[in-house]
Amino acid sequence: MFQNGEDEYEREYHDEIHDVDYTKPIIRNASPSLLYEHALNYERGTALSSSGAIVTESGAKKGRSPKDKRVVCDAMTKDDVWWGPVNIAMTEASFMVNHERAVDYLNTRDRLYVFDGFAGWDPRYRIKVRVVCARAYHALFMHNMLIRPTAKELAEFGEPDFTIFNAGDFPANRYTTGMTSSTSVALNFTRNELVILGTAYAGEMKKGIFTVMHYLMPKAGVLSLHSSCNEGPNGDTTLFFGLSGTGKTTLSADPHRALIGDDEHCWSDEGVFNIEGGCYAKAIDLSPEKEPEIFGAIRFGSVLENVVLDAKTRVVDYADDSLTENTRCAYPIEYMPSAKMPCVGKHPTNIVLLTCDAFGVLPPVSLLTSEQAMYHFISGYTAKVAGTEEGVTEPTATFSACFGAPFLVFHPTVYAKMLGAKLAKHAVKVWLVNTGWTGGAYGVGSRMKLAISRGIIDAIHNGKLYECMQKPGGAQNFPIFNLQIPTNTGDAVCMPSIDPAVLDPQKAWASSEQFAKTTRDLAGRFRQNFETFRVSETDNSGRIASQRTTDHDFR
């Protein structure tokens, strides 16, 4: 029994899905309307929101399970994968146990959903992805997140380059060699398969394909990046990097610039392109005032995960975090009014590395050299505020290599060296922008005003900040971190609305001695983190470290 009216083709297609013997309906690339009907009829906990988005729950897992991610170590991968806590090795035999367990489970379902789509907007580098799953929720999610094929592309799709078997509602066997829980997210680059067991969280599929691109693209000479990207009226593009809480989504959503993508991109010899066909936005505390475009994208066809809605009105309470703080919404990128279609752009003019420094010592904006850019890219620094048992809060440094360590396959220096080569070739300007604290660390100082951060980004985009910093007296050195920061004074005023004192963090602190001590402490944390990536004393990344954190006299 086939669901989309292409009986002859679908009979052939039946045989193409390896290892799965289906005598049940295969629902392939179904419309959102049909997937809505199935989700509402067959999947508990599903509802329709007042805005038209479908609301679903992902079960016990309401976020990714990085400790349960495994990569098959075989002849093809053993010598090039960055093995360790990010990529935990598993044997081919254990993978096949999980594979068979997933397929057996899928074979017991009354119906199966298949979505065939693409990852990568540039046809020269895109890969064909097939998703096989048992839930309409998962099929609709990947319908939104992958690039949707045209009717002609679907008819000519053929064999996929990579297949996801999502049996997330069925647990892994904890006694299988290498398993540490009932959850398993297992990648096999030789078989080109991802097998999911024990978690229904849809984000595992999205980030699984991102991990695949982190493996395939560098081998093709293309740099894969965990970043957002937008484009100005003149075609200039900017890449934004930043961990959670740094303002990446907010600052890259600019009403005067087109959105190329919000999370995953590649940089080839031809330019940049989005990997995805949709956006996966955080929904906690969402409002039309804070994020009007994202709020407006939550409509028919969108998938809301783990949110709480009123039982009568079906209005979502975005402030309610009783299920999780990681509430999410997945929607096609064309739901964003500012989206550029197709999602491709020229080589970047600017790159912005965002950090939320809760220690309150990094400048609001710095212009980086190529080596500094590579260093900060590898470091991937931000800070979080952690509570102690006594209730005292203090900043905690957080480092995530390349601003996306959980998704890297190769050693971070592989991606950093590719970045360095592209920066040199295309003369890209790289900026470090701190959206965190000023005037003191968390608990003493205050969070940088959004208007200041937006003003800085605007000055980067219109070229005035760089122009002013090239003038005599337009820039000064920020010691210890050896950064070039704007003075914004005299003939070098590029941001009239921003007090020059704000741009030099030392001036905002009451105690210069405490500022110096805190700055040295943070620099020490950078050094300690970077030691884990140092290959050798003569390695290029080692030179970055020595240049980047040289102490200077504060006096």
Protein backbone atom coordinates (compact mmCIF):
# COMPACT_ATOMS: atom_id res chain seq x y z
CA MET A 1 0.00 0.00 0.00
CA PHE A 2 1.52 3.31 -1.08
CA GLN A 3 0.43 6.72 0.04
CA ASN A 4 1.41 9.20 -2.64
CA GLY A 5 -0.02 7.81 -5.85
CA GLU A 6 3.26 6.76 -7.51
CA ASP A 7 2.63 3.03 -7.31
CA GLU A 8 5.03 1.84 -10.01
CA TYR A 9 7.91 3.99 -8.83
CA GLU A 10 7.21 3.23 -5.19
CA ARG A 11 7.32 -0.52 -5.79
CA GLU A 12 10.88 -0.06 -7.02
CA TYR A 13 11.57 2.28 -4.13
CA HIS A 14 10.34 -0.39 -1.70
CA ASP A 15 13.35 -2.50 -2.59
CA GLU A 16 15.84 0.36 -2.33
CA ILE A 17 15.62 0.75 1.45
CA HIS A 18 18.16 -1.81 2.49
CA ASP A 19 17.44 -4.30 5.28
CA VAL A 20 13.85 -3.18 5.77
CA ASP A 21 11.17 -5.54 4.51
CA TYR A 22 8.02 -3.49 4.25
CA THR A 23 4.62 -5.02 3.65
CA LYS A 24 3.14 -1.96 5.30
CA PRO A 25 2.60 1.60 4.06
CA ILE A 26 5.68 3.61 3.17
CA ILE A 27 4.77 7.26 3.40
CA ARG A 28 7.41 9.08 1.42
CA ASN A 29 7.94 12.85 1.39
CA ALA A 30 4.42 13.41 2.62
CA SER A 31 2.93 16.89 2.75
CA PRO A 32 2.85 18.71 6.10
CA SER A 33 -0.94 18.36 6.05
CA LEU A 34 -0.77 14.56 5.91
CA LEU A 35 1.96 14.43 8.54
CA TYR A 36 -0.15 16.68 10.78
CA GLU A 37 -3.06 14.25 10.46
CA HIS A 38 -0.92 11.24 11.29
CA ALA A 39 0.82 12.90 14.22
CA LEU A 40 -2.48 14.03 15.72
CA ASN A 41 -4.13 10.65 15.18
CA TYR A 42 -1.34 8.26 16.11
CA GLU A 43 1.14 10.02 18.41
CA ARG A 44 0.25 10.76 22.02
CA GLY A 45 1.02 14.21 23.35
CA THR A 46 0.55 15.90 19.98
CA ALA A 47 -1.63 19.00 19.67
CA LEU A 48 -2.32 21.90 17.34
CA SER A 49 -1.32 25.34 18.61
CA SER A 50 -3.39 28.48 18.11
CA SER A 51 -0.85 29.73 15.55
CA GLY A 52 -1.17 26.57 13.45
CA ALA A 53 2.11 24.94 14.45
CA ILE A 54 2.05 21.34 15.59
CA VAL A 55 3.09 20.77 19.21
CA THR A 56 4.83 17.55 20.20
CA GLU A 57 6.90 16.07 23.00
CA SER A 58 10.20 14.27 22.54
CA GLY A 59 9.76 12.04 25.57
CA ALA A 60 12.31 11.63 28.35
CA LYS A 61 15.12 13.13 26.27
CA LYS A 62 14.59 16.83 25.69
CA GLY A 63 18.03 17.59 24.35
CA ARG A 64 20.95 15.90 22.64
CA SER A 65 22.84 13.06 24.34
CA PRO A 66 26.50 13.74 23.43
CA LYS A 67 27.80 11.10 25.85
CA ASP A 68 25.86 8.47 23.89
CA LYS A 69 27.27 9.43 20.49
CA ARG A 70 29.48 6.76 18.91
CA VAL A 71 31.52 6.58 15.70
CA VAL A 72 32.58 3.30 14.14
CA CYS A 73 36.35 2.90 14.21
CA ASP A 74 37.42 0.95 11.15
CA ALA A 75 40.07 0.99 8.45
CA MET A 76 38.62 4.17 6.91
CA THR A 77 38.31 6.22 10.10
CA LYS A 78 40.88 4.98 12.60
CA ASP A 79 43.68 7.32 11.50
CA ASP A 80 41.83 10.58 10.84
CA VAL A 81 38.96 10.91 13.35
CA TRP A 82 39.55 12.98 16.51
CA TRP A 83 38.97 10.12 18.95
CA GLY A 84 38.10 10.91 22.55
CA PRO A 85 35.11 12.28 24.49
CA VAL A 86 33.67 13.97 21.37
CA ASN A 87 34.01 10.95 19.08
CA ILE A 88 33.82 7.78 21.16
CA ALA A 89 34.87 4.73 19.16
CA MET A 90 32.62 1.73 18.66
CA THR A 91 33.20 -1.52 16.81
CA GLU A 92 31.54 -2.49 13.57
CA ALA A 93 29.99 -5.47 15.38
CA SER A 94 28.34 -3.25 18.01
CA PHE A 95 27.07 -0.93 15.31
CA MET A 96 25.48 -3.84 13.46
CA VAL A 97 23.77 -4.98 16.67
CA ASN A 98 22.24 -1.51 16.99
CA HIS A 99 21.43 -1.42 13.29
CA GLU A 100 19.59 -4.74 13.43
CA ARG A 101 17.79 -3.70 16.60
CA ALA A 102 16.60 -0.48 14.93
CA VAL A 103 15.50 -2.24 11.75
CA ASP A 104 13.67 -4.94 13.70
CA TYR A 105 11.80 -2.26 15.61
CA LEU A 106 10.91 -0.34 12.46
CA ASN A 107 9.60 -3.55 10.93
CA THR A 108 7.09 -3.89 13.77
CA ARG A 109 5.46 -0.50 13.12
CA ASP A 110 2.12 -0.17 11.36
CA ARG A 111 3.49 2.47 9.02
CA LEU A 112 6.84 4.02 8.18
CA TYR A 113 7.80 7.49 7.06
CA VAL A 114 10.59 8.28 4.64
CA PHE A 115 11.92 11.68 3.74
CA ASP A 116 14.44 12.16 0.95
CA GLY A 117 16.14 15.53 0.90
CA PHE A 118 19.44 17.33 0.53
CA ALA A 119 22.08 18.78 2.84
CA GLY A 120 23.92 21.74 1.30
CA TRP A 121 22.49 24.45 -0.97
CA ASP A 122 25.39 24.35 -3.42
CA PRO A 123 24.60 21.51 -5.88
CA ARG A 124 28.33 20.88 -6.31
CA TYR A 125 28.68 19.77 -2.71
CA ARG A 126 25.23 18.77 -1.50
CA ILE A 127 24.56 15.24 -0.33
CA LYS A 128 21.40 13.17 -0.66
CA VAL A 129 19.96 12.19 2.72
CA ARG A 130 17.29 9.60 3.41
CA VAL A 131 15.43 9.51 6.73
CA VAL A 132 13.55 6.34 7.72
CA CYS A 133 11.45 6.75 10.86
CA ALA A 134 8.29 5.59 12.61
CA ARG A 135 6.90 8.96 13.70
CA ALA A 136 5.23 11.63 11.62
CA TYR A 137 6.80 14.17 13.98
CA HIS A 138 10.29 13.11 12.92
CA ALA A 139 9.38 13.09 9.23
CA LEU A 140 7.95 16.61 9.43
CA PHE A 141 10.95 17.82 11.41
CA MET A 142 13.38 16.64 8.73
CA HIS A 143 11.05 17.91 6.00
CA ASN A 144 11.66 21.32 7.56
CA MET A 145 15.37 20.96 8.31
CA LEU A 146 16.67 19.34 5.12
CA ILE A 147 16.46 21.01 1.72
CA ARG A 148 13.20 19.93 0.14
CA PRO A 149 13.58 18.46 -3.37
CA THR A 150 11.49 19.51 -6.33
CA ALA A 151 9.19 16.91 -7.90
CA LYS A 152 11.79 16.29 -10.60
CA GLU A 153 14.61 15.96 -8.07
CA LEU A 154 12.54 13.54 -6.02
CA ALA A 155 11.74 11.38 -9.05
CA GLU A 156 15.45 11.24 -9.90
CA PHE A 157 16.68 10.93 -6.31
CA GLY A 158 18.05 7.38 -6.61
CA GLU A 159 20.33 5.98 -3.92
CA PRO A 160 21.02 8.27 -0.94
CA ASP A 161 24.52 9.29 0.08
CA PHE A 162 23.58 8.91 3.74
CA THR A 163 20.70 7.20 5.56
CA ILE A 164 19.25 7.82 9.01
CA PHE A 165 17.43 4.95 10.71
CA ASN A 166 15.51 6.60 13.55
CA ALA A 167 14.13 4.05 15.99
CA GLY A 168 14.32 6.50 18.86
CA ASP A 169 11.29 5.14 20.71
CA PHE A 170 13.09 1.80 21.15
CA PRO A 171 16.03 1.50 23.56
CA ALA A 172 19.53 0.30 22.85
CA ASN A 173 20.72 -2.81 24.64
CA ARG A 174 22.94 -1.52 27.46
CA TYR A 175 24.88 -4.78 27.45
CA THR A 176 26.03 -4.30 23.87
CA THR A 177 29.78 -3.72 23.87
CA GLY A 178 30.52 -0.01 24.13
CA MET A 179 27.04 1.05 25.23
CA THR A 180 26.73 2.91 28.53
CA SER A 181 22.99 3.60 28.50
CA SER A 182 19.80 2.74 26.66
CA THR A 183 20.45 5.65 24.27
CA SER A 184 22.69 5.34 21.24
CA VAL A 185 23.43 7.75 18.39
CA ALA A 186 25.78 5.75 16.19
CA LEU A 187 27.56 6.94 13.03
CA ASN A 188 29.14 4.64 10.47
CA PHE A 189 31.03 6.54 7.77
CA THR A 190 31.84 3.38 5.84
CA ARG A 191 28.20 2.30 5.58
CA ASN A 192 27.05 5.96 5.41
CA GLU A 193 24.44 5.41 8.11
CA LEU A 194 23.23 6.96 11.34
CA VAL A 195 21.29 4.72 13.73
CA ILE A 196 19.30 6.28 16.58
CA LEU A 197 17.98 4.30 19.55
CA GLY A 198 16.60 5.37 22.91
CA THR A 199 15.93 9.04 22.20
CA ALA A 200 13.07 10.67 20.31
CA TYR A 201 14.70 14.12 20.43
CA ALA A 202 14.61 15.23 16.79
CA GLY A 203 17.70 17.41 17.10
CA GLU A 204 19.84 14.26 17.02
CA MET A 205 19.02 13.88 13.31
CA LYS A 206 19.82 17.50 12.51
CA LYS A 207 23.16 17.47 14.31
CA GLY A 208 23.92 13.98 13.04
CA ILE A 209 23.88 15.27 9.48
CA PHE A 210 25.93 18.29 10.55
CA THR A 211 28.53 15.87 11.92
CA VAL A 212 28.47 14.01 8.60
CA MET A 213 29.17 17.28 6.78
CA HIS A 214 32.05 17.96 9.19
CA TYR A 215 33.54 14.70 7.91
CA LEU A 216 32.74 14.87 4.20
CA MET A 217 33.25 18.55 3.43
CA PRO A 218 36.88 18.98 4.60
CA LYS A 219 37.77 15.93 2.50
CA ALA A 220 36.35 17.87 -0.47
CA GLY A 221 38.33 21.00 0.45
CA VAL A 222 35.26 22.73 1.92
CA LEU A 223 35.24 24.20 5.43
CA SER A 224 32.18 23.27 7.51
CA LEU A 225 31.21 25.84 10.14
CA HIS A 226 28.86 26.13 13.11
CA SER A 227 27.74 29.66 12.36
CA SER A 228 24.94 31.91 11.19
CA CYS A 229 25.28 34.02 8.05
CA ASN A 230 23.65 37.10 6.57
CA GLU A 231 24.10 39.27 3.49
CA GLY A 232 24.03 43.03 3.02
CA PRO A 233 22.34 44.98 0.22
CA ASN A 234 25.61 45.07 -1.71
CA GLY A 235 26.14 41.32 -1.48
CA ASP A 236 28.66 41.44 1.38
CA THR A 237 28.34 38.45 3.70
CA THR A 238 29.11 38.06 7.39
CA LEU A 239 29.58 34.84 9.35
CA PHE A 240 28.63 34.87 13.04
CA PHE A 241 30.09 32.34 15.48
CA GLY A 242 28.97 32.05 19.07
CA LEU A 243 27.92 29.57 21.72
CA SER A 244 24.54 29.63 23.44
CA GLY A 245 23.77 32.94 25.12
CA THR A 246 26.19 35.07 23.09
CA GLY A 247 23.52 36.66 20.89
CA LYS A 248 24.32 34.89 17.62
CA THR A 249 20.69 34.53 16.55
CA THR A 250 19.70 38.02 17.71
CA LEU A 251 22.61 39.88 16.12
CA SER A 252 22.54 37.96 12.84
CA ALA A 253 18.80 38.66 12.45
CA ASP A 254 19.08 42.11 10.90
CA PRO A 255 16.08 43.72 9.16
CA HIS A 256 18.47 45.42 6.74
CA ARG A 257 20.27 42.23 5.74
CA ALA A 258 19.16 38.96 4.16
CA LEU A 259 19.41 35.74 6.18
CA ILE A 260 21.41 32.99 4.48
CA GLY A 261 21.15 30.66 7.45
CA ASP A 262 21.01 30.57 11.23
CA ASP A 263 23.23 27.66 12.29
CA GLU A 264 25.21 25.51 9.83
CA HIS A 265 27.26 26.62 6.82
CA CYS A 266 30.08 25.64 4.50
CA TRP A 267 32.76 27.79 2.92
CA SER A 268 33.98 26.53 -0.45
CA ASP A 269 36.21 28.00 -3.16
CA GLU A 270 33.05 29.54 -4.65
CA GLY A 271 31.65 31.17 -1.49
CA VAL A 272 29.42 30.20 1.43
CA PHE A 273 26.27 28.10 1.49
CA ASN A 274 23.78 26.99 4.09
CA ILE A 275 23.66 23.28 4.88
CA GLU A 276 20.02 23.28 5.95
CA GLY A 277 16.61 24.00 4.52
CA GLY A 278 15.20 25.27 7.78
CA CYS A 279 15.80 26.86 11.16
CA TYR A 280 15.75 25.27 14.61
CA ALA A 281 15.19 28.19 16.95
CA LYS A 282 15.07 28.29 20.71
CA ALA A 283 11.55 29.09 21.86
CA ILE A 284 12.06 29.84 25.55
CA ASP A 285 10.80 33.35 26.40
CA LEU A 286 10.05 33.98 22.74
CA SER A 287 7.91 37.03 22.03
CA PRO A 288 6.95 39.14 19.01
CA GLU A 289 8.78 42.08 20.61
CA LYS A 290 12.09 40.24 21.09
CA GLU A 291 12.19 38.12 17.93
CA PRO A 292 9.38 39.20 15.56
CA GLU A 293 10.57 37.19 12.55
CA ILE A 294 11.01 33.95 14.50
CA PHE A 295 7.70 34.46 16.29
CA GLY A 296 5.98 34.96 12.94
CA ALA A 297 7.55 31.79 11.54
CA ILE A 298 5.69 29.64 14.05
CA ARG A 299 2.68 28.78 11.94
CA PHE A 300 1.24 25.92 9.92
CA GLY A 301 4.03 23.54 8.97
CA SER A 302 6.25 24.39 11.95
CA VAL A 303 7.08 21.91 14.70
CA LEU A 304 7.07 23.09 18.32
CA GLU A 305 8.90 20.79 20.73
CA ASN A 306 8.34 20.41 24.46
CA VAL A 307 6.42 23.65 24.97
CA VAL A 308 3.44 24.13 27.27
CA LEU A 309 0.15 25.38 25.83
CA ASP A 310 -3.21 26.29 27.30
CA ALA A 311 -5.58 23.31 27.22
CA LYS A 312 -8.50 25.42 26.01
CA THR A 313 -7.08 28.23 23.89
CA ARG A 314 -4.06 26.26 22.60
CA VAL A 315 -1.96 29.40 23.07
CA VAL A 316 1.67 28.53 23.82
CA ASP A 317 3.24 29.87 27.01
CA TYR A 318 6.79 30.47 25.83
CA ALA A 319 7.91 31.51 29.31
CA ASP A 320 6.97 28.12 30.78
CA ASP A 321 10.09 25.99 31.24
CA SER A 322 8.43 23.29 33.36
CA LEU A 323 9.19 20.62 30.73
CA THR A 324 12.60 21.99 29.73
CA GLU A 325 14.42 25.23 29.04
CA ASN A 326 15.36 23.75 25.69
CA THR A 327 12.03 24.41 24.00
CA ARG A 328 12.43 24.55 20.23
CA CYS A 329 10.70 25.28 16.95
CA ALA A 330 11.65 23.88 13.53
CA TYR A 331 10.39 25.65 10.41
CA PRO A 332 11.38 26.04 6.74
CA ILE A 333 13.83 28.88 6.22
CA GLU A 334 11.49 30.56 3.75
CA TYR A 335 9.16 31.23 6.69
CA MET A 336 11.66 33.97 7.62
CA PRO A 337 10.76 37.14 5.66
CA SER A 338 14.43 38.07 5.34
CA ALA A 339 15.58 34.69 4.01
CA LYS A 340 17.67 34.70 0.85
CA MET A 341 16.72 31.94 -1.58
CA PRO A 342 18.73 30.00 -2.58
CA CYS A 343 20.77 30.14 0.61
CA VAL A 344 24.19 30.92 -0.86
CA GLY A 345 26.51 33.91 -0.68
CA LYS A 346 29.87 35.33 -1.68
CA HIS A 347 33.08 34.89 0.28
CA PRO A 348 32.70 36.61 3.67
CA THR A 349 33.73 40.22 4.06
CA ASN A 350 33.56 40.00 7.85
CA ILE A 351 33.58 37.25 10.45
CA VAL A 352 32.27 37.97 13.95
CA LEU A 353 33.32 35.73 16.85
CA LEU A 354 30.83 36.34 19.65
CA THR A 355 31.58 35.72 23.30
CA CYS A 356 29.63 36.43 26.47
CA ASP A 357 32.45 37.15 28.91
CA ALA A 358 31.00 37.00 32.42
CA PHE A 359 34.42 37.88 33.85
CA GLY A 360 33.87 41.36 32.41
CA VAL A 361 37.38 41.92 31.05
CA LEU A 362 37.24 41.35 27.28
CA PRO A 363 36.63 44.46 25.16
CA PRO A 364 33.26 44.96 23.45
CA VAL A 365 35.02 44.72 20.08
CA SER A 366 38.52 43.84 18.86
CA LEU A 367 40.04 43.49 15.41
CA LEU A 368 41.94 40.20 15.18
CA THR A 369 44.97 39.17 13.18
CA SER A 370 44.72 35.95 11.19
CA GLU A 371 46.58 33.99 13.87
CA GLN A 372 44.43 35.46 16.64
CA ALA A 373 41.33 34.55 14.64
CA MET A 374 42.50 30.94 14.37
CA TYR A 375 43.30 30.88 18.08
CA HIS A 376 39.90 32.20 19.14
CA PHE A 377 38.21 29.91 16.64
CA ILE A 378 39.91 26.89 18.20
CA SER A 379 39.18 28.17 21.71
CA GLY A 380 35.47 28.87 21.18
CA TYR A 381 35.20 30.76 24.46
CA THR A 382 32.22 32.04 26.37
CA ALA A 383 31.33 32.09 30.06
CA LYS A 384 28.39 30.83 32.03
CA VAL A 385 27.17 31.83 35.47
CA ALA A 386 27.13 28.87 37.83
CA GLY A 387 25.58 28.66 41.29
CA THR A 388 27.57 27.27 44.21
CA GLU A 389 26.08 25.26 47.07
CA GLU A 390 26.16 28.38 49.26
CA GLY A 391 24.15 30.26 46.63
CA VAL A 392 27.08 32.42 45.52
CA THR A 393 27.32 32.93 41.76
CA GLU A 394 30.56 33.23 39.85
CA PRO A 395 31.53 33.12 36.18
CA THR A 396 32.67 29.82 34.72
CA ALA A 397 34.77 29.74 31.56
CA THR A 398 33.41 27.47 28.83
CA PHE A 399 35.39 26.44 25.76
CA SER A 400 33.99 24.60 22.76
CA ALA A 401 36.48 24.06 19.94
CA CYS A 402 35.52 25.79 16.69
CA PHE A 403 32.37 26.98 18.46
CA GLY A 404 30.91 23.50 17.99
CA ALA A 405 33.10 20.78 19.52
CA PRO A 406 30.31 18.16 19.82
CA PHE A 407 29.99 18.04 16.02
CA LEU A 408 33.66 17.94 15.01
CA VAL A 409 35.05 14.77 13.47
CA PHE A 410 38.65 15.80 12.82
CA HIS A 411 41.05 17.50 15.22
CA PRO A 412 40.13 21.20 15.67
CA THR A 413 43.40 22.32 14.10
CA VAL A 414 42.26 20.78 10.79
CA TYR A 415 39.35 23.22 10.63
CA ALA A 416 41.42 26.11 12.02
CA LYS A 417 44.12 25.73 9.37
CA MET A 418 41.48 25.66 6.65
CA LEU A 419 40.01 28.83 8.14
CA GLY A 420 43.43 30.50 8.24
CA ALA A 421 44.06 29.72 4.58
CA LYS A 422 40.70 31.18 3.55
CA LEU A 423 41.21 34.30 5.67
CA ALA A 424 44.53 34.95 3.96
CA LYS A 425 43.21 34.27 0.46
CA HIS A 426 40.11 36.45 0.75
CA ALA A 427 41.39 39.19 3.10
CA VAL A 428 38.51 38.72 5.52
CA LYS A 429 38.26 40.98 8.56
CA VAL A 430 37.71 39.06 11.79
CA TRP A 431 36.23 40.65 14.90
CA LEU A 432 35.92 39.46 18.49
CA VAL A 433 32.72 40.92 19.96
CA ASN A 434 31.96 40.58 23.67
CA THR A 435 28.26 40.74 24.50
CA GLY A 436 28.89 39.86 28.15
CA TRP A 437 29.67 41.95 31.20
CA THR A 438 31.28 45.36 31.58
CA GLY A 439 32.40 47.31 34.67
CA GLY A 440 33.11 44.13 36.60
CA ALA A 441 32.40 40.43 36.60
CA TYR A 442 28.93 38.95 36.93
CA GLY A 443 27.41 40.14 40.21
CA VAL A 444 29.35 43.41 40.14
CA GLY A 445 29.22 44.75 36.60
CA SER A 446 26.32 44.85 34.17
CA ARG A 447 25.48 43.06 30.92
CA MET A 448 26.50 44.90 27.77
CA LYS A 449 23.50 46.76 26.39
CA LEU A 450 22.07 45.24 23.24
CA ALA A 451 22.07 48.68 21.62
CA ILE A 452 25.86 48.85 22.03
CA SER A 453 26.36 45.41 20.49
CA ARG A 454 24.04 46.27 17.61
CA GLY A 455 25.85 49.57 17.08
CA ILE A 456 29.16 47.71 16.89
CA ILE A 457 27.80 45.22 14.36
CA ASP A 458 26.37 48.06 12.26
CA ALA A 459 29.76 49.83 12.28
CA ILE A 460 31.42 46.60 11.19
CA HIS A 461 28.97 46.16 8.33
CA ASN A 462 29.14 49.71 7.01
CA GLY A 463 32.94 49.63 7.12
CA LYS A 464 33.28 52.66 9.40
CA LEU A 465 34.79 50.76 12.31
CA TYR A 466 37.64 49.32 10.27
CA GLU A 467 38.19 52.65 8.51
CA CYS A 468 38.45 54.56 11.79
CA MET A 469 40.79 52.02 13.34
CA GLN A 470 43.24 52.55 10.47
CA LYS A 471 43.51 56.28 11.20
CA PRO A 472 46.30 57.66 13.42
CA GLY A 473 45.18 57.20 17.02
CA GLY A 474 42.18 55.15 15.92
CA ALA A 475 43.25 51.97 17.71
CA GLN A 476 45.06 51.00 20.88
CA ASN A 477 46.48 47.80 22.30
CA PHE A 478 44.56 45.86 24.92
CA PRO A 479 47.28 44.22 27.04
CA ILE A 480 47.70 40.58 28.06
CA PHE A 481 45.39 39.47 25.26
CA ASN A 482 47.29 41.71 22.82
CA LEU A 483 44.12 42.87 21.05
CA GLN A 484 43.58 45.93 18.88
CA ILE A 485 40.56 47.91 20.09
CA PRO A 486 39.04 51.14 18.72
CA THR A 487 39.51 54.43 20.56
CA ASN A 488 36.41 56.05 19.00
CA THR A 489 37.90 59.47 19.75
CA GLY A 490 39.20 62.52 17.88
CA ASP A 491 39.23 62.03 14.13
CA ALA A 492 38.53 58.32 14.60
CA VAL A 493 34.95 58.49 15.85
CA CYS A 494 33.02 55.75 14.06
CA MET A 495 30.30 55.07 16.63
CA PRO A 496 29.09 58.46 17.93
CA SER A 497 26.40 56.91 20.13
CA ILE A 498 28.90 54.76 22.07
CA ASP A 499 30.94 56.23 24.93
CA PRO A 500 34.65 55.69 24.15
CA ALA A 501 35.19 54.61 27.77
CA VAL A 502 32.93 51.60 27.18
CA LEU A 503 35.28 50.29 24.49
CA ASP A 504 38.21 50.01 26.93
CA PRO A 505 36.98 47.64 29.67
CA GLN A 506 39.70 48.67 32.13
CA LYS A 507 38.21 52.17 32.35
CA ALA A 508 34.84 50.75 33.38
CA TRP A 509 36.25 48.93 36.43
CA ALA A 510 36.51 50.65 39.82
CA SER A 511 39.80 48.88 40.63
CA SER A 512 42.54 48.65 37.99
CA GLU A 513 44.37 46.10 40.16
CA GLN A 514 41.35 43.81 40.34
CA PHE A 515 40.85 44.23 36.61
CA ALA A 516 44.46 43.21 35.92
CA LYS A 517 44.17 40.20 38.22
CA THR A 518 40.92 39.02 36.61
CA THR A 519 42.32 39.51 33.11
CA ARG A 520 45.40 37.43 33.92
CA ASP A 521 43.19 34.76 35.44
CA LEU A 522 41.09 34.53 32.28
CA ALA A 523 44.23 34.46 30.10
CA GLY A 524 45.46 31.54 32.18
CA ARG A 525 42.26 29.65 31.50
CA PHE A 526 42.74 30.24 27.79
CA ARG A 527 46.28 28.86 27.99
CA GLN A 528 45.19 25.83 29.96
CA ASN A 529 42.43 25.05 27.50
CA PHE A 530 44.69 25.52 24.49
CA GLU A 531 47.26 23.03 25.79
CA THR A 532 44.80 20.27 24.94
CA PHE A 533 45.07 21.23 21.26
CA ARG A 534 48.80 21.88 21.00
CA VAL A 535 50.36 19.41 18.57
CA SER A 536 54.01 20.37 18.96
CA GLU A 537 56.18 23.35 19.82
CA THR A 538 56.79 24.03 16.14
CA ASP A 539 53.18 23.57 15.09
CA ASN A 540 51.41 26.66 13.73
CA SER A 541 48.78 26.47 16.47
CA GLY A 542 51.57 26.61 19.06
CA ARG A 543 52.77 29.91 17.62
CA ILE A 544 49.22 31.21 17.89
CA ALA A 545 49.17 30.37 21.58
CA SER A 546 52.46 32.08 22.38
CA GLN A 547 51.54 35.24 20.50
CA ARG A 548 47.98 35.38 21.69
CA THR A 549 48.51 35.34 25.45
CA THR A 550 51.76 37.23 25.93
CA ASP A 551 51.62 39.27 29.13
CA HIS A 552 52.00 43.03 28.92
CA ASP A 553 52.59 45.59 31.65
CA PHE A 554 49.34 47.27 32.69
CA ARG A 555 51.02 50.36 33.98
